């Protein structure tokens, strides 16, 4: 025998209140960073040229370029990208040099074996 499960359900009348409207505050526009972007790219290029001039090994050029780009991308997320970029480039370049030395040592050890 089939049970009618809806048999004991009461119908509830819906009542809607009057429509409510409110004003949303307008957020200030984000500052235009176009000039800052140009300055950041210029500073990044200067720092990269200094790094490449100091690099005696041409094998380091690609890792240093990558490190400089990574530092610029990270600096861009900060409130003061031009202020933090030189230090970030220095840190990333140091990491790139250490990594390149470690890779060279591993490669030299693999060739000797």
C-alpha atoms as a PDB file:
ATOM      1  CA  UNK A   1       0.000   0.000   0.000  1.00  0.00           C
ATOM      2  CA  UNK A   2       1.393   3.357  -1.036  1.00  0.00           C
ATOM      3  CA  UNK A   3       1.577   6.044   1.604  1.00  0.00           C
ATOM      4  CA  UNK A   4       0.790   9.596   0.757  1.00  0.00           C
ATOM      5  CA  UNK A   5       3.572  11.472   2.506  1.00  0.00           C
ATOM      6  CA  UNK A   6       2.195  14.879   1.592  1.00  0.00           C
ATOM      7  CA  UNK A   7      -1.139  14.284   3.234  1.00  0.00           C
ATOM      8  CA  UNK A   8      -0.202  15.722   6.623  1.00  0.00           C
ATOM      9  CA  UNK A   9       1.671  18.733   5.295  1.00  0.00           C
ATOM     10  CA  UNK A  10       0.153  22.124   5.949  1.00  0.00           C
ATOM     11  CA  UNK A  11       0.385  24.782   3.334  1.00  0.00           C
ATOM     12  CA  UNK A  12       2.118  27.890   4.577  1.00  0.00           C
ATOM     13  CA  UNK A  13       1.193  31.175   3.030  1.00  0.00           C
ATOM     14  CA  UNK A  14       4.133  33.322   2.122  1.00  0.00           C
ATOM     15  CA  UNK A  15       4.104  36.989   2.935  1.00  0.00           C
ATOM     16  CA  UNK A  16       6.652  39.387   1.564  1.00  0.00           C
ATOM     17  CA  UNK A  17       7.420  42.733   3.135  1.00  0.00           C
ATOM     18  CA  UNK A  18       7.759  45.833   1.061  1.00  0.00           C
ATOM     19  CA  UNK A  19      10.886  46.115  -1.070  1.00  0.00           C
ATOM     20  CA  UNK A  20      13.882  47.590   0.673  1.00  0.00           C
ATOM     21  CA  UNK A  21      16.562  49.577  -1.110  1.00  0.00           C
ATOM     22  CA  UNK A  22      19.768  51.037   0.173  1.00  0.00           C
ATOM     23  CA  UNK A  23      22.707  52.894  -1.257  1.00  0.00           C
ATOM     24  CA  UNK A  24      26.083  51.230  -1.531  1.00  0.00           C
ATOM     25  CA  UNK A  25      29.076  53.412  -0.835  1.00  0.00           C
ATOM     26  CA  UNK A  26      31.227  53.950  -3.888  1.00  0.00           C
ATOM     27  CA  UNK A  27      34.731  52.628  -3.331  1.00  0.00           C
ATOM     28  CA  UNK A  28      37.561  54.924  -4.334  1.00  0.00           C
ATOM     29  CA  UNK A  29      39.133  54.026  -7.626  1.00  0.00           C
ATOM     30  CA  UNK A  30      42.379  52.089  -7.523  1.00  0.00           C
ATOM     31  CA  UNK A  31      45.392  54.295  -8.083  1.00  0.00           C
ATOM     32  CA  UNK A  32      46.778  54.298 -11.586  1.00  0.00           C
ATOM     33  CA  UNK A  33      50.102  52.499 -11.529  1.00  0.00           C
ATOM     34  CA  UNK A  34      51.150  52.985 -15.145  1.00  0.00           C
ATOM     35  CA  UNK A  35      53.987  55.386 -14.376  1.00  0.00           C
ATOM     36  CA  UNK A  36      55.097  53.192 -11.496  1.00  0.00           C
ATOM     37  CA  UNK A  37      55.122  50.179 -13.818  1.00  0.00           C
ATOM     38  CA  UNK A  38      57.415  51.988 -16.239  1.00  0.00           C
ATOM     39  CA  UNK A  39      59.735  53.017 -13.409  1.00  0.00           C
ATOM     40  CA  UNK A  40      59.752  49.462 -12.095  1.00  0.00           C
ATOM     41  CA  UNK A  41      60.706  48.067 -15.507  1.00  0.00           C
ATOM     42  CA  UNK A  42      63.462  50.663 -15.859  1.00  0.00           C
ATOM     43  CA  UNK A  43      64.871  49.834 -12.415  1.00  0.00           C
ATOM     44  CA  UNK A  44      64.615  46.116 -13.153  1.00  0.00           C
ATOM     45  CA  UNK A  45      66.593  46.584 -16.386  1.00  0.00           C
ATOM     46  CA  UNK A  46      69.299  48.594 -14.596  1.00  0.00           C
ATOM     47  CA  UNK A  47      69.643  46.001 -11.852  1.00  0.00           C
ATOM     48  CA  UNK A  48      69.789  43.188 -14.405  1.00  0.00           C
ATOM     49  CA  UNK A  49      72.513  44.956 -16.392  1.00  0.00           C
ATOM     50  CA  UNK A  50      74.573  45.307 -13.218  1.00  0.00           C
ATOM     51  CA  UNK A  51      74.112  41.613 -12.431  1.00  0.00           C
ATOM     52  CA  UNK A  52      75.032  40.505 -15.951  1.00  0.00           C
ATOM     53  CA  UNK A  53      78.120  42.750 -15.965  1.00  0.00           C
ATOM     54  CA  UNK A  54      79.327  41.146 -12.714  1.00  0.00           C
ATOM     55  CA  UNK A  55      78.565  37.577 -13.877  1.00  0.00           C
ATOM     56  CA  UNK A  56      81.765  35.999 -15.148  1.00  0.00           C
ATOM     57  CA  UNK A  57      80.019  32.812 -16.287  1.00  0.00           C
ATOM     58  CA  UNK A  58      77.618  33.174 -19.252  1.00  0.00           C
ATOM     59  CA  UNK A  59      75.745  30.148 -17.896  1.00  0.00           C
ATOM     60  CA  UNK A  60      74.466  32.434 -15.140  1.00  0.00           C
ATOM     61  CA  UNK A  61      72.765  34.888 -17.493  1.00  0.00           C
ATOM     62  CA  UNK A  62      69.495  32.961 -17.884  1.00  0.00           C
ATOM     63  CA  UNK A  63      69.093  32.209 -14.146  1.00  0.00           C
ATOM     64  CA  UNK A  64      69.843  35.850 -13.314  1.00  0.00           C
ATOM     65  CA  UNK A  65      67.263  37.056 -15.826  1.00  0.00           C
ATOM     66  CA  UNK A  66      64.695  34.694 -14.292  1.00  0.00           C
ATOM     67  CA  UNK A  67      65.618  35.829 -10.791  1.00  0.00           C
ATOM     68  CA  UNK A  68      65.214  39.482 -11.751  1.00  0.00           C
ATOM     69  CA  UNK A  69      61.811  38.837 -13.319  1.00  0.00           C
ATOM     70  CA  UNK A  70      60.667  36.868 -10.275  1.00  0.00           C
ATOM     71  CA  UNK A  71      61.808  39.659  -7.982  1.00  0.00           C
ATOM     72  CA  UNK A  72      59.965  42.269 -10.046  1.00  0.00           C
ATOM     73  CA  UNK A  73      56.769  40.210  -9.987  1.00  0.00           C
ATOM     74  CA  UNK A  74      57.036  39.817  -6.237  1.00  0.00           C
ATOM     75  CA  UNK A  75      57.882  43.485  -5.699  1.00  0.00           C
ATOM     76  CA  UNK A  76      54.825  44.522  -7.713  1.00  0.00           C
ATOM     77  CA  UNK A  77      52.560  42.916  -5.092  1.00  0.00           C
ATOM     78  CA  UNK A  78      53.931  45.157  -2.336  1.00  0.00           C
ATOM     79  CA  UNK A  79      52.774  48.692  -1.537  1.00  0.00           C
ATOM     80  CA  UNK A  80      56.239  50.096  -2.395  1.00  0.00           C
ATOM     81  CA  UNK A  81      57.638  48.038  -5.290  1.00  0.00           C
ATOM     82  CA  UNK A  82      60.443  50.437  -6.197  1.00  0.00           C
ATOM     83  CA  UNK A  83      61.700  50.380  -2.629  1.00  0.00           C
ATOM     84  CA  UNK A  84      61.821  46.597  -2.220  1.00  0.00           C
ATOM     85  CA  UNK A  85      62.928  45.601  -5.733  1.00  0.00           C
ATOM     86  CA  UNK A  86      66.701  46.041  -5.287  1.00  0.00           C
ATOM     87  CA  UNK A  87      66.788  43.872  -2.174  1.00  0.00           C
ATOM     88  CA  UNK A  88      64.555  41.225  -3.737  1.00  0.00           C
ATOM     89  CA  UNK A  89      66.773  41.127  -6.828  1.00  0.00           C
ATOM     90  CA  UNK A  90      69.854  40.711  -4.624  1.00  0.00           C
ATOM     91  CA  UNK A  91      68.254  37.839  -2.689  1.00  0.00           C
ATOM     92  CA  UNK A  92      66.945  36.096  -5.807  1.00  0.00           C
ATOM     93  CA  UNK A  93      70.287  36.515  -7.594  1.00  0.00           C
ATOM     94  CA  UNK A  94      72.126  34.991  -4.627  1.00  0.00           C
ATOM     95  CA  UNK A  95      69.759  32.016  -4.720  1.00  0.00           C
ATOM     96  CA  UNK A  96      70.262  31.657  -8.485  1.00  0.00           C
ATOM     97  CA  UNK A  97      74.067  31.679  -8.082  1.00  0.00           C
ATOM     98  CA  UNK A  98      73.940  29.074  -5.294  1.00  0.00           C
ATOM     99  CA  UNK A  99      71.644  26.893  -7.372  1.00  0.00           C
ATOM    100  CA  UNK A 100      73.904  27.168 -10.420  1.00  0.00           C
ATOM    101  CA  UNK A 101      76.987  26.235  -8.339  1.00  0.00           C
ATOM    102  CA  UNK A 102      75.144  23.261  -6.849  1.00  0.00           C
ATOM    103  CA  UNK A 103      74.020  22.106 -10.298  1.00  0.00           C
ATOM    104  CA  UNK A 104      77.557  22.449 -11.659  1.00  0.00           C
ATOM    105  CA  UNK A 105      78.935  20.381  -8.765  1.00  0.00           C
ATOM    106  CA  UNK A 106      76.327  17.677  -9.329  1.00  0.00           C
ATOM    107  CA  UNK A 107      77.075  17.622 -13.054  1.00  0.00           C
ATOM    108  CA  UNK A 108      80.833  17.482 -12.404  1.00  0.00           C
ATOM    109  CA  UNK A 109      80.311  14.596  -9.951  1.00  0.00           C
ATOM    110  CA  UNK A 110      78.135  12.740 -12.463  1.00  0.00           C
ATOM    111  CA  UNK A 111      80.797  13.079 -15.157  1.00  0.00           C
ATOM    112  CA  UNK A 112      83.535  11.820 -12.812  1.00  0.00           C
ATOM    113  CA  UNK A 113      81.562   8.703 -11.911  1.00  0.00           C
END
